[in-house]
Amino acid sequence: MDIQIMTYIIVGITFALYIGIAIWSRAGSTKEFYVAGGGVSPLANGLATAADWMSAASFISMAGLISTQGYDGSVYLMGWTGGYVLLALLLAPYLRKFGKFTVPDFIGDRYYSNTARMVAIISALFVSFTYVAGQMRGVGVVFSRFLEVDVTTGVIIGMVIVLIYAVLGGMKGITYTQVAQYCVLIFAFMVPAIFISMMLTGNVIPQFGMGGKLQDGTYLLDKLNQLNTDLGFAAYTDGSKTKIDVFFITAALMLGTAGLPHVIVRFFTVPKVRDARKSAGYALLFIAILYTTAPAIAVFARTNLIQTVHDKPYSEMPEWVGNWEQTGLLAWEDKNGDGKVQMHKSAETNEFMVDKDIIVLANPEIANLPVWVIALVAAGGLAAALSTAAGLLLVISTAISHDLLKKQLMPDISERGELLAARFSAFIAVSVAGYFGINPPDYVAAVVALAFGLAAASFFPAIILGIFMKKMNKEGAVAGMIAGLASMCFYILKFKFGVFDGGMEAVPALKADWWFGISPEGFGTVAMLINLVVSLVVMRFTPETPEDVQELVEDIRIPSGAGEAHTH
C-alpha cells in the first residue's frame, strides 16, 4: 500500500474520531462552551492540557529547528518547558481560585476597569491570532505533502475540521478531542524515534540513543559535529547566537507561556483547586515525553539527511526527495553543473534548500521506515496543530462573546445569544487564521515565538502584579500593557517586516541594527520589562487601589488546600 492511501486511512480514522467526540460532547450551555462545565477529571485535563500546549510548533517545527540550528535551537526547548512550569506552579492555582473563565475577565475584575478589560481583550486577540496562524501553517504543510494538495487547500481543509468541533463542542468538545489528539500525537512522535534510535545506535530509548555510539564505534554527536563542520556549519553542539539573545529568547518564551490565555483557561475546567494542581503535574509528565525526545529526533534526522543527500548524484536521490519537491518546501538547484547535490552553509554554493518545518515529517521517509509509520506521523502532526488551533479559537470566540459583548457592550444578552455569538466569532476567527496560515510571516516556530513575545509583553506583568501586589492599580496596569504591547509590535514591524525601513527586502540587513543584539523573538522580554517599569511608575502617581479589591487579592493568595474555588 502506498503512502498516500495509508495516510488517507489513518488521517480519516483520526478525523472521524475527533468529530465523533465533538458530536457526543457538544456544549449545551455557556459554562460547557467556555470551561466544559467545570467537571473534567485531573487526568483527562492533564492529557488535554498537554495536547493544547504541544502545538504544531512543538511537534513539527521544534525538532526541525534543533535539527537545522543545533545548539541554537535549544532555546525553544528550554523556554517552552520552563514556561509551562512557571505557569503551572506560580499562576494557575491563583487564577483558578479567582474563579474567572478568561484572562481578560481576571484583568477586568482585578483592575476594576472596563478599559483594562478592553486592553486585555485586544492583547488576547493579538496573541491568539499570531499563534493560530502558525498552527494553520503546520496543517497546510502536512496536507500539502501527504494528501498531495497545495498548502492553500490544506489550510482550508484544516479550517473546516477545526471549525466543526470547536463550534459544536466548545471547551467540552475540545477537551475530550484533545485527550484523543494527545494519544495520537505522542504515539506518532515516539514510534519513528524508537525505530531510528534502534537502527542507528541499537538503543531502544531515543534519549539514550542520541548520546550513544554508532556501529563503527564513534559517538553519534561526534559524527554529526564532523558532518556539520565539513559543510561549513558551526559544530552541531556549539551555538552561533549571542548569550544575551539566547537568554532573552528563553525568557520571552517562558514569560509568554505564563500569559498564554488558551492554556490558563484549561485550569478552570476541573472541579477544585487541588485538581488544577494535579492536572498541571500530569500535563508536565505528558509534555516531558515529547520534549525530551525532540533533540534525539533532531540529531537522527540531521545525520540521516546529510548522509543520504550530500555529494550524491541527483539521479540517485530517494523517492522522498521528489515527493517533497512537489510541495515547494524542498528544492535543488545544480549551481556547479556536476549533477550532484551539494549542501553547504554558504548560500552561493548550497544547492539543497529544505524548509525547517518538514524535518520531522520527512524523517521517517529519510530513514526508510514502513509506510504506516510515515502515515502515522502525518496524523500526529495534524493532531498537534488542530488541538492547539481549537484551544486558541475558543479563546478568540470567548474574548468576543463573553468579555466584549456580555461584560461590556450587551450586559443583558441571553445565554442563547451569547452562545450564538461565541460560535459566530469562532467562524470569523478561523477564517482570519486561515488567511495567515496561507500567507505566514515566517516558519511555524518563529511565528509562534512572536506570539509568546506578545503574551510576555502584554499579559505577564498584569497577571503577576495582579496576584502578588495588592496595591497595583488600574492606571498602572493599563499603561503598562499598552506600553509593552506597543513596543513589541513596533520591534516586530521594524525588524521582521521592515515596515519603517523599506519592506521585507531590508530585513536581512536590519539584523545588524537589533537593539543590544536581541532578535525579535527575544524582544518580548524587553517589552515585558518596559510594561513592568511603566506599571510601577504610573502606580506611584495615581489613586490607590480600593480596599475591597485589596482584600480580594489577599484572599486569592491564601493557600486554599482542596477547597472549592471562590467565585467573585
Protein backbone atom coordinates (compact mmCIF):
# COMPACT_ATOMS: atom_id res chain seq x y z
CA MET A 1 0.00 0.00 0.00
CA ASP A 2 1.45 3.41 -0.93
CA ILE A 3 1.95 6.32 1.48
CA GLN A 4 -0.97 8.40 0.22
CA ILE A 5 -3.63 5.67 0.62
CA MET A 6 -2.28 4.72 4.07
CA THR A 7 -2.31 8.40 5.07
CA TYR A 8 -5.92 8.79 3.89
CA ILE A 9 -6.90 5.78 6.01
CA ILE A 10 -5.08 6.80 9.23
CA VAL A 11 -5.90 10.53 8.99
CA GLY A 12 -9.51 9.66 8.06
CA ILE A 13 -9.89 7.42 11.13
CA THR A 14 -8.46 10.09 13.47
CA PHE A 15 -10.66 12.85 11.96
CA ALA A 16 -13.77 10.66 12.31
CA LEU A 17 -12.79 10.08 15.96
CA TYR A 18 -12.40 13.83 16.65
CA ILE A 19 -15.71 14.76 15.01
CA GLY A 20 -17.50 11.85 16.73
CA ILE A 21 -16.22 13.05 20.12
CA ALA A 22 -17.31 16.65 19.33
CA ILE A 23 -20.86 15.48 18.48
CA TRP A 24 -21.03 13.25 21.58
CA SER A 25 -19.86 16.02 23.92
CA ARG A 26 -21.41 19.08 22.27
CA ALA A 27 -21.94 22.07 24.57
CA GLY A 28 -25.48 22.93 25.65
CA SER A 29 -24.67 25.92 27.88
CA THR A 30 -22.15 28.78 28.03
CA LYS A 31 -20.42 27.11 31.02
CA GLU A 32 -19.94 23.92 28.96
CA PHE A 33 -18.81 26.00 25.96
CA TYR A 34 -16.27 28.04 27.97
CA VAL A 35 -14.97 25.63 30.65
CA ALA A 36 -16.52 22.21 29.86
CA GLY A 37 -18.97 22.63 32.76
CA GLY A 38 -16.04 22.59 35.24
CA GLY A 39 -16.27 18.81 35.66
CA VAL A 40 -13.23 17.38 33.83
CA SER A 41 -11.06 14.88 35.76
CA PRO A 42 -7.41 15.88 36.53
CA LEU A 43 -6.01 13.06 34.35
CA ALA A 44 -8.19 13.96 31.33
CA ASN A 45 -7.38 17.64 31.85
CA GLY A 46 -3.66 16.82 32.06
CA LEU A 47 -3.84 14.99 28.71
CA ALA A 48 -5.89 17.81 27.15
CA THR A 49 -3.52 20.48 28.52
CA ALA A 50 -0.53 18.62 27.07
CA ALA A 51 -2.24 18.44 23.64
CA ASP A 52 -3.28 22.10 23.89
CA TRP A 53 0.25 23.02 24.87
CA MET A 54 2.13 20.95 22.27
CA SER A 55 1.21 22.67 19.07
CA ALA A 56 2.46 22.27 15.52
CA ALA A 57 5.49 24.26 16.73
CA SER A 58 6.34 21.54 19.26
CA PHE A 59 5.54 18.54 17.04
CA ILE A 60 6.57 19.74 13.57
CA SER A 61 8.85 22.73 13.94
CA MET A 62 10.83 22.47 17.19
CA ALA A 63 12.79 19.34 16.25
CA GLY A 64 13.24 20.87 12.77
CA LEU A 65 14.72 23.99 14.35
CA ILE A 66 17.04 22.00 16.60
CA SER A 67 17.96 19.83 13.60
CA THR A 68 19.00 22.79 11.42
CA GLN A 69 20.31 25.13 14.15
CA GLY A 70 21.78 22.62 16.62
CA TYR A 71 22.57 24.22 19.96
CA ASP A 72 20.85 27.49 18.93
CA GLY A 73 17.52 25.69 18.54
CA SER A 74 17.61 24.55 22.16
CA VAL A 75 16.30 27.95 23.34
CA TYR A 76 12.82 26.83 22.25
CA LEU A 77 13.15 23.64 24.27
CA MET A 78 14.26 25.48 27.42
CA GLY A 79 11.85 28.39 27.08
CA TRP A 80 8.68 26.40 26.43
CA THR A 81 9.41 23.77 29.10
CA GLY A 82 10.42 26.33 31.74
CA GLY A 83 7.42 28.46 30.88
CA TYR A 84 4.99 25.65 31.49
CA VAL A 85 6.49 25.03 34.94
CA LEU A 86 6.22 28.75 35.71
CA LEU A 87 2.58 28.79 34.63
CA ALA A 88 1.59 25.62 36.47
CA LEU A 89 3.28 26.43 39.78
CA LEU A 90 3.17 30.22 40.00
CA LEU A 91 -0.01 31.38 38.28
CA ALA A 92 -2.56 28.65 37.54
CA PRO A 93 -3.70 27.86 41.13
CA TYR A 94 -4.24 31.56 41.95
CA LEU A 95 -6.13 32.28 38.73
CA ARG A 96 -8.22 29.16 39.35
CA LYS A 97 -9.06 30.36 42.84
CA PHE A 98 -10.16 33.74 41.46
CA GLY A 99 -12.79 31.76 39.53
CA LYS A 100 -12.84 33.60 36.19
CA PHE A 101 -13.25 31.99 32.75
CA THR A 102 -10.74 34.13 30.86
CA VAL A 103 -7.62 36.27 31.28
CA PRO A 104 -9.46 39.49 30.20
CA ASP A 105 -12.13 38.59 32.79
CA PHE A 106 -9.46 38.33 35.52
CA ILE A 107 -7.77 41.57 34.46
CA GLY A 108 -11.09 43.44 34.10
CA ASP A 109 -12.27 42.44 37.59
CA ARG A 110 -8.89 42.60 39.35
CA TYR A 111 -8.25 46.08 37.99
CA TYR A 112 -11.91 47.16 38.41
CA SER A 113 -11.86 48.67 34.93
CA ASN A 114 -13.51 48.06 31.57
CA THR A 115 -10.55 49.87 29.95
CA ALA A 116 -8.19 47.24 31.42
CA ARG A 117 -10.55 44.52 30.19
CA MET A 118 -10.57 46.07 26.70
CA VAL A 119 -6.75 46.23 26.52
CA ALA A 120 -6.62 42.59 27.70
CA ILE A 121 -9.16 41.56 25.03
CA ILE A 122 -7.07 43.25 22.31
CA SER A 123 -3.91 41.57 23.69
CA ALA A 124 -5.64 38.15 23.78
CA LEU A 125 -6.74 38.56 20.16
CA PHE A 126 -3.23 39.67 19.08
CA VAL A 127 -1.57 36.70 20.79
CA SER A 128 -4.15 34.13 19.70
CA PHE A 129 -4.28 35.19 16.05
CA THR A 130 -0.46 35.20 15.79
CA TYR A 131 -0.28 31.78 17.42
CA VAL A 132 -3.13 30.18 15.45
CA ALA A 133 -1.56 31.36 12.16
CA GLY A 134 1.41 29.11 12.99
CA GLN A 135 -0.92 26.15 13.59
CA MET A 136 -2.73 26.64 10.29
CA ARG A 137 0.61 26.85 8.52
CA GLY A 138 1.52 23.49 10.12
CA VAL A 139 -1.76 21.94 8.92
CA GLY A 140 -1.06 23.22 5.40
CA VAL A 141 2.46 21.73 5.39
CA VAL A 142 1.17 18.27 6.43
CA PHE A 143 -1.69 18.21 3.94
CA SER A 144 0.40 19.54 1.06
CA ARG A 145 2.76 16.56 1.26
CA PHE A 146 0.63 13.64 2.38
CA LEU A 147 -2.66 14.40 0.64
CA GLU A 148 -0.79 15.88 -2.36
CA VAL A 149 -2.72 19.14 -2.38
CA ASP A 150 -1.21 22.64 -2.30
CA VAL A 151 -0.67 24.41 1.03
CA THR A 152 -3.69 26.69 0.48
CA THR A 153 -6.09 23.75 0.02
CA GLY A 154 -4.50 22.01 3.04
CA VAL A 155 -5.14 25.04 5.25
CA ILE A 156 -8.79 25.24 4.09
CA ILE A 157 -9.38 21.52 4.90
CA GLY A 158 -7.86 22.10 8.36
CA MET A 159 -10.09 25.16 8.89
CA VAL A 160 -13.23 23.13 8.15
CA ILE A 161 -12.26 20.28 10.52
CA VAL A 162 -11.32 22.52 13.43
CA LEU A 163 -14.42 24.64 12.93
CA ILE A 164 -16.71 21.60 13.21
CA TYR A 165 -15.53 20.50 16.63
CA ALA A 166 -14.66 23.93 18.07
CA VAL A 167 -18.05 25.42 17.16
CA LEU A 168 -20.07 22.31 18.01
CA GLY A 169 -18.47 21.23 21.25
CA GLY A 170 -16.89 24.37 22.68
CA MET A 171 -14.45 23.63 25.53
CA LYS A 172 -16.30 20.42 26.37
CA GLY A 173 -15.87 19.01 22.86
CA ILE A 174 -12.34 20.39 22.56
CA THR A 175 -11.25 18.86 25.90
CA TYR A 176 -12.21 15.29 25.05
CA THR A 177 -11.00 15.68 21.46
CA GLN A 178 -7.62 16.85 22.82
CA VAL A 179 -7.35 13.72 25.00
CA ALA A 180 -7.60 11.64 21.81
CA GLN A 181 -5.24 14.01 19.97
CA TYR A 182 -2.56 13.69 22.66
CA CYS A 183 -2.65 9.89 22.34
CA VAL A 184 -2.31 10.17 18.54
CA LEU A 185 0.45 12.78 18.54
CA ILE A 186 2.64 11.16 21.23
CA PHE A 187 2.39 7.73 19.58
CA ALA A 188 3.21 9.30 16.20
CA PHE A 189 6.21 11.16 17.67
CA MET A 190 7.70 8.24 19.62
CA VAL A 191 7.33 5.34 17.15
CA PRO A 192 9.72 6.71 14.47
CA ALA A 193 12.11 7.97 17.17
CA ILE A 194 12.36 4.46 18.67
CA PHE A 195 12.73 2.86 15.21
CA ILE A 196 15.55 5.21 14.14
CA SER A 197 17.34 5.04 17.51
CA MET A 198 17.42 1.23 17.13
CA MET A 199 18.68 1.47 13.54
CA LEU A 200 21.48 3.94 14.29
CA THR A 201 22.67 3.03 17.79
CA GLY A 202 20.88 -0.18 18.77
CA ASN A 203 19.33 1.66 21.75
CA VAL A 204 15.54 1.42 22.12
CA ILE A 205 15.31 4.66 24.16
CA PRO A 206 15.83 7.67 21.81
CA GLN A 207 17.10 9.94 24.61
CA PHE A 208 19.94 7.47 25.28
CA GLY A 209 20.38 6.74 21.57
CA MET A 210 21.21 10.42 20.94
CA GLY A 211 24.25 10.11 23.22
CA GLY A 212 25.07 6.58 22.06
CA LYS A 213 27.62 5.08 19.67
CA LEU A 214 27.17 4.16 16.01
CA GLN A 215 28.09 0.74 14.66
CA ASP A 216 31.63 1.95 13.81
CA GLY A 217 32.22 2.90 17.48
CA THR A 218 32.08 6.71 17.08
CA TYR A 219 29.61 8.71 19.15
CA LEU A 220 26.59 9.91 17.16
CA LEU A 221 27.03 13.55 18.24
CA ASP A 222 30.75 13.49 17.35
CA LYS A 223 29.83 12.16 13.91
CA LEU A 224 27.22 14.91 13.45
CA ASN A 225 29.64 17.63 14.58
CA GLN A 226 32.11 16.39 11.94
CA LEU A 227 29.44 16.27 9.21
CA ASN A 228 28.33 19.81 10.08
CA THR A 229 31.83 21.32 10.14
CA ASP A 230 32.71 19.58 6.85
CA LEU A 231 29.84 21.51 5.24
CA GLY A 232 30.94 24.85 6.72
CA PHE A 233 28.35 24.98 9.52
CA ALA A 234 29.17 25.53 13.18
CA ALA A 235 29.66 22.32 15.15
CA TYR A 236 26.21 20.96 16.00
CA THR A 237 26.79 21.20 19.75
CA ASP A 238 28.09 24.81 19.54
CA GLY A 239 25.90 27.87 19.12
CA SER A 240 26.17 30.95 16.93
CA LYS A 241 23.66 33.11 18.84
CA THR A 242 24.98 35.58 21.40
CA LYS A 243 24.44 34.67 25.06
CA ILE A 244 22.27 37.74 25.58
CA ASP A 245 19.96 36.72 22.72
CA VAL A 246 19.74 33.12 23.98
CA PHE A 247 18.84 34.45 27.45
CA PHE A 248 16.23 36.92 26.16
CA ILE A 249 14.56 34.43 23.77
CA THR A 250 14.38 31.79 26.53
CA ALA A 251 12.95 34.33 28.99
CA ALA A 252 10.42 35.64 26.43
CA LEU A 253 9.21 32.10 25.71
CA MET A 254 8.96 31.35 29.44
CA LEU A 255 7.15 34.55 30.38
CA GLY A 256 4.95 34.37 27.29
CA THR A 257 3.93 30.85 28.23
CA ALA A 258 2.79 32.09 31.62
CA GLY A 259 0.46 34.57 29.91
CA LEU A 260 -0.98 32.24 27.27
CA PRO A 261 -4.76 32.53 27.56
CA HIS A 262 -5.65 29.18 25.94
CA VAL A 263 -3.52 27.23 28.46
CA ILE A 264 -4.64 29.23 31.52
CA VAL A 265 -8.32 28.57 30.76
CA ARG A 266 -7.68 24.81 30.99
CA PHE A 267 -7.28 25.14 34.76
CA PHE A 268 -10.92 26.26 35.04
CA THR A 269 -12.28 23.01 33.60
CA VAL A 270 -11.64 20.93 36.76
CA PRO A 271 -13.88 20.96 39.87
CA LYS A 272 -11.35 22.05 42.55
CA VAL A 273 -8.13 24.00 43.02
CA ARG A 274 -6.39 20.76 44.12
CA ASP A 275 -7.47 19.19 40.80
CA ALA A 276 -5.93 22.13 38.93
CA ARG A 277 -2.59 21.39 40.61
CA LYS A 278 -2.87 17.65 39.89
CA SER A 279 -3.70 18.20 36.23
CA ALA A 280 -0.70 20.59 35.95
CA GLY A 281 1.55 17.77 37.24
CA TYR A 282 0.07 15.21 34.85
CA ALA A 283 0.46 17.63 31.92
CA LEU A 284 4.13 18.25 32.76
CA LEU A 285 4.79 14.49 32.67
CA PHE A 286 2.99 14.10 29.32
CA ILE A 287 4.79 17.14 27.84
CA ALA A 288 8.20 15.87 29.04
CA ILE A 289 7.83 12.68 26.98
CA LEU A 290 7.81 14.69 23.74
CA TYR A 291 10.19 17.46 24.79
CA THR A 292 12.98 15.10 25.90
CA THR A 293 12.62 13.14 22.65
CA ALA A 294 12.71 16.16 20.28
CA PRO A 295 16.51 16.70 20.45
CA ALA A 296 17.06 13.00 19.67
CA ILE A 297 14.78 13.19 16.61
CA ALA A 298 16.63 16.35 15.51
CA VAL A 299 20.01 14.61 15.72
CA PHE A 300 18.78 11.45 13.92
CA ALA A 301 17.15 13.48 11.13
CA ARG A 302 20.15 15.76 10.58
CA THR A 303 22.60 12.85 10.44
CA ASN A 304 20.43 10.82 8.04
CA LEU A 305 19.71 13.86 5.83
CA ILE A 306 23.38 14.79 5.30
CA GLN A 307 24.49 11.18 4.77
CA THR A 308 21.62 10.46 2.35
CA VAL A 309 21.82 13.62 0.25
CA HIS A 310 25.20 15.39 0.33
CA ASP A 311 27.55 14.78 -2.61
CA LYS A 312 25.24 12.14 -4.13
CA PRO A 313 24.07 12.26 -7.78
CA TYR A 314 20.62 13.84 -8.04
CA SER A 315 19.55 10.99 -10.35
CA GLU A 316 20.05 8.57 -7.42
CA MET A 317 18.04 10.60 -4.89
CA PRO A 318 15.47 8.52 -2.96
CA GLU A 319 11.77 8.87 -3.71
CA TRP A 320 11.05 11.15 -0.72
CA VAL A 321 13.11 13.98 -2.26
CA GLY A 322 10.83 14.11 -5.32
CA ASN A 323 7.72 13.84 -3.13
CA TRP A 324 8.71 16.87 -1.03
CA GLU A 325 9.88 18.84 -4.08
CA GLN A 326 6.30 18.76 -5.35
CA THR A 327 5.17 20.70 -2.25
CA GLY A 328 7.65 23.53 -2.89
CA LEU A 329 9.11 23.02 0.61
CA LEU A 330 12.30 21.38 -0.73
CA ALA A 331 14.31 22.35 -3.81
CA TRP A 332 17.57 21.50 -5.62
CA GLU A 333 19.49 23.78 -7.95
CA ASP A 334 22.60 22.44 -9.70
CA LYS A 335 24.80 25.52 -9.29
CA ASN A 336 28.11 23.92 -10.35
CA GLY A 337 26.64 21.68 -13.07
CA ASP A 338 28.11 18.41 -11.75
CA GLY A 339 24.70 16.70 -11.31
CA LYS A 340 25.41 16.10 -7.61
CA VAL A 341 23.58 17.54 -4.62
CA GLN A 342 25.82 19.82 -2.55
CA MET A 343 24.87 21.01 0.96
CA HIS A 344 26.85 23.98 2.30
CA LYS A 345 26.41 26.82 4.75
CA SER A 346 27.18 29.41 2.07
CA ALA A 347 24.11 30.46 0.09
CA GLU A 348 26.31 30.83 -3.01
CA THR A 349 27.35 27.17 -3.05
CA ASN A 350 24.44 25.46 -1.24
CA GLU A 351 22.25 23.63 -3.77
CA PHE A 352 19.75 21.94 -1.45
CA MET A 353 17.04 24.07 0.20
CA VAL A 354 14.97 22.38 2.94
CA ASP A 355 12.12 24.07 4.80
CA LYS A 356 12.69 23.69 8.57
CA ASP A 357 9.06 22.66 9.04
CA ILE A 358 9.40 19.40 7.05
CA ILE A 359 12.25 17.77 9.02
CA VAL A 360 10.07 15.78 11.47
CA LEU A 361 7.50 14.88 8.81
CA ALA A 362 10.16 13.73 6.33
CA ASN A 363 12.26 11.96 8.99
CA PRO A 364 10.58 8.51 8.67
CA GLU A 365 10.88 8.67 4.86
CA ILE A 366 14.56 9.68 5.08
CA ALA A 367 15.18 6.69 7.37
CA ASN A 368 13.18 4.42 5.04
CA LEU A 369 10.69 3.36 7.73
CA PRO A 370 7.49 1.39 6.96
CA VAL A 371 4.63 3.21 5.18
CA TRP A 372 2.29 3.05 8.19
CA VAL A 373 4.86 4.93 10.35
CA ILE A 374 5.07 7.72 7.75
CA ALA A 375 1.25 8.00 7.66
CA LEU A 376 1.10 7.95 11.46
CA VAL A 377 3.47 10.95 11.67
CA ALA A 378 1.18 12.88 9.31
CA ALA A 379 -1.78 12.14 11.60
CA GLY A 380 0.30 13.19 14.63
CA GLY A 381 1.30 16.50 13.05
CA LEU A 382 -2.35 17.25 12.27
CA ALA A 383 -3.40 16.29 15.82
CA ALA A 384 -0.82 18.67 17.30
CA ALA A 385 -1.80 21.58 15.06
CA LEU A 386 -5.56 21.10 15.31
CA SER A 387 -5.63 20.61 19.11
CA THR A 388 -3.89 23.93 19.75
CA ALA A 389 -5.80 25.73 16.98
CA ALA A 390 -9.08 24.66 18.61
CA GLY A 391 -7.99 25.97 22.03
CA LEU A 392 -6.93 29.29 20.52
CA LEU A 393 -10.16 29.67 18.54
CA LEU A 394 -12.07 29.17 21.77
CA VAL A 395 -10.04 31.97 23.41
CA ILE A 396 -10.83 34.28 20.49
CA SER A 397 -14.55 33.47 20.48
CA THR A 398 -14.73 33.78 24.30
CA ALA A 399 -12.90 37.13 24.25
CA ILE A 400 -15.50 38.47 21.82
CA SER A 401 -18.71 36.87 23.15
CA HIS A 402 -18.05 36.83 26.92
CA ASP A 403 -15.53 39.62 27.59
CA LEU A 404 -16.61 42.13 24.93
CA LEU A 405 -20.34 41.52 24.38
CA LYS A 406 -21.56 40.13 27.73
CA LYS A 407 -19.28 42.15 30.01
CA GLN A 408 -19.21 45.45 28.12
CA LEU A 409 -21.45 46.07 25.13
CA MET A 410 -24.55 43.92 25.80
CA PRO A 411 -24.79 43.01 29.52
CA ASP A 412 -28.42 41.84 29.08
CA ILE A 413 -27.65 39.33 26.31
CA SER A 414 -29.34 35.94 26.86
CA GLU A 415 -27.31 32.76 27.35
CA ARG A 416 -28.52 31.51 23.95
CA GLY A 417 -27.48 34.81 22.34
CA GLU A 418 -24.04 34.63 23.97
CA LEU A 419 -23.58 31.04 22.76
CA LEU A 420 -24.54 32.04 19.20
CA ALA A 421 -22.12 34.99 19.34
CA ALA A 422 -19.33 32.66 20.56
CA ARG A 423 -19.94 30.26 17.67
CA PHE A 424 -20.13 33.04 15.07
CA SER A 425 -16.93 34.67 16.32
CA ALA A 426 -15.18 31.26 16.16
CA PHE A 427 -16.20 31.10 12.48
CA ILE A 428 -14.77 34.59 11.79
CA ALA A 429 -11.62 33.72 13.77
CA VAL A 430 -10.91 30.54 11.81
CA SER A 431 -11.33 32.45 8.52
CA VAL A 432 -8.76 35.09 9.57
CA ALA A 433 -6.43 32.39 10.95
CA GLY A 434 -6.69 30.52 7.65
CA TYR A 435 -5.63 33.63 5.73
CA PHE A 436 -2.49 33.97 7.89
CA GLY A 437 -1.84 30.24 7.56
CA ILE A 438 -1.82 30.63 3.78
CA ASN A 439 0.32 33.81 3.93
CA PRO A 440 2.55 33.21 7.00
CA PRO A 441 5.16 35.78 8.08
CA ASP A 442 7.72 33.01 8.85
CA TYR A 443 8.15 29.29 9.59
CA VAL A 444 5.88 27.81 12.27
CA ALA A 445 8.10 28.05 15.36
CA ALA A 446 9.16 31.63 14.59
CA VAL A 447 5.53 32.74 14.20
CA VAL A 448 4.67 31.02 17.49
CA ALA A 449 7.72 32.61 19.20
CA LEU A 450 6.37 36.04 18.23
CA ALA A 451 3.01 35.12 19.81
CA PHE A 452 4.83 34.21 23.03
CA GLY A 453 6.69 37.54 22.91
CA LEU A 454 3.39 39.39 22.58
CA ALA A 455 1.94 37.44 25.54
CA ALA A 456 5.01 38.23 27.67
CA ALA A 457 4.87 41.91 26.71
CA SER A 458 1.17 42.35 27.49
CA PHE A 459 -0.20 39.82 30.00
CA PHE A 460 2.61 38.61 32.23
CA PRO A 461 3.23 41.73 34.36
CA ALA A 462 -0.53 42.46 34.67
CA ILE A 463 -1.21 38.90 35.90
CA ILE A 464 1.82 38.61 38.21
CA LEU A 465 1.33 42.07 39.76
CA GLY A 466 -2.40 41.44 39.99
CA ILE A 467 -1.79 38.34 42.12
CA PHE A 468 1.23 39.34 44.19
CA MET A 469 0.89 43.13 44.57
CA LYS A 470 -2.41 44.17 46.07
CA LYS A 471 -1.71 47.91 45.61
CA MET A 472 -1.22 47.64 41.83
CA ASN A 473 -3.98 49.83 40.41
CA LYS A 474 -5.87 50.01 37.12
CA GLU A 475 -3.96 53.04 35.78
CA GLY A 476 -0.61 51.29 36.21
CA ALA A 477 -1.80 48.01 34.69
CA VAL A 478 -3.43 49.64 31.65
CA ALA A 479 -0.46 51.94 30.94
CA GLY A 480 1.96 49.02 31.31
CA MET A 481 0.02 46.69 28.98
CA ILE A 482 -0.27 49.39 26.30
CA ALA A 483 3.45 50.27 26.57
CA GLY A 484 4.54 46.61 26.44
CA LEU A 485 2.29 45.65 23.53
CA ALA A 486 3.15 48.81 21.54
CA SER A 487 6.92 48.35 21.94
CA MET A 488 6.71 44.65 20.94
CA CYS A 489 4.58 45.44 17.87
CA PHE A 490 6.98 48.22 16.84
CA TYR A 491 10.00 45.90 17.10
CA ILE A 492 8.29 43.10 15.12
CA LEU A 493 7.15 45.51 12.38
CA LYS A 494 10.62 47.09 12.15
CA PHE A 495 12.88 44.04 12.25
CA LYS A 496 10.58 41.23 10.99
CA PHE A 497 8.72 43.09 8.24
CA GLY A 498 10.96 46.12 7.60
CA VAL A 499 7.90 48.39 7.82
CA PHE A 500 9.92 51.51 8.70
CA ASP A 501 12.92 50.67 6.51
CA GLY A 502 11.67 49.78 3.03
CA GLY A 503 9.88 46.42 3.38
CA MET A 504 10.81 42.73 3.62
CA GLU A 505 13.88 43.09 1.35
CA ALA A 506 15.54 45.25 4.02
CA VAL A 507 15.02 42.69 6.84
CA PRO A 508 18.32 40.68 6.44
CA ALA A 509 20.38 43.91 6.55
CA LEU A 510 18.50 45.13 9.64
CA LYS A 511 19.86 42.23 11.71
CA ALA A 512 22.97 44.30 12.50
CA ASP A 513 20.72 47.04 13.94
CA TRP A 514 18.94 44.82 16.51
CA TRP A 515 18.85 46.67 19.83
CA PHE A 516 21.56 45.23 22.15
CA GLY A 517 21.82 42.30 19.69
CA ILE A 518 18.37 41.00 20.71
CA SER A 519 16.27 39.29 17.99
CA PRO A 520 12.52 39.98 17.51
CA GLU A 521 11.83 36.56 19.10
CA GLY A 522 13.69 37.67 22.24
CA PHE A 523 12.39 41.23 22.42
CA GLY A 524 9.29 40.10 24.34
CA THR A 525 11.48 40.08 27.48
CA VAL A 526 12.49 43.73 26.94
CA ALA A 527 8.86 44.71 26.21
CA MET A 528 7.80 42.87 29.38
CA LEU A 529 10.33 44.90 31.41
CA ILE A 530 9.02 48.11 29.80
CA ASN A 531 5.49 47.04 30.83
CA LEU A 532 6.67 46.34 34.39
CA VAL A 533 8.51 49.65 34.81
CA VAL A 534 5.66 51.72 33.31
CA SER A 535 3.12 49.91 35.55
CA LEU A 536 5.10 50.59 38.74
CA VAL A 537 5.89 54.22 37.85
CA VAL A 538 2.30 55.09 36.89
CA MET A 539 1.00 53.36 40.04
CA ARG A 540 3.09 55.74 42.20
CA PHE A 541 1.39 58.83 40.78
CA THR A 542 -2.24 57.62 40.56
CA PRO A 543 -5.01 56.83 43.10
CA GLU A 544 -4.60 53.78 45.36
CA THR A 545 -6.45 50.51 44.69
CA PRO A 546 -9.85 50.35 46.50
CA GLU A 547 -9.90 48.46 49.83
CA ASP A 548 -12.33 45.78 48.63
CA VAL A 549 -10.02 44.88 45.70
CA GLN A 550 -7.01 44.71 48.03
CA GLU A 551 -8.94 42.33 50.30
CA LEU A 552 -9.90 40.23 47.28
CA VAL A 553 -6.22 39.90 46.25
CA GLU A 554 -5.30 38.97 49.83
CA ASP A 555 -7.99 36.27 49.75
CA ILE A 556 -6.67 34.80 46.46
CA ARG A 557 -3.19 34.40 47.90
CA ILE A 558 -4.27 32.40 50.98
CA PRO A 559 -3.45 28.71 50.30
CA SER A 560 -6.73 27.03 49.59
CA GLY A 561 -5.94 23.32 50.07
CA ALA A 562 -8.67 21.27 48.48
CA GLY A 563 -11.40 23.86 48.87
CA GLU A 564 -13.83 24.80 46.16
CA ALA A 565 -12.81 27.81 44.07
CA HIS A 566 -14.27 31.12 45.16
CA THR A 567 -16.26 32.99 42.58
CA HIS A 568 -16.31 36.73 42.98
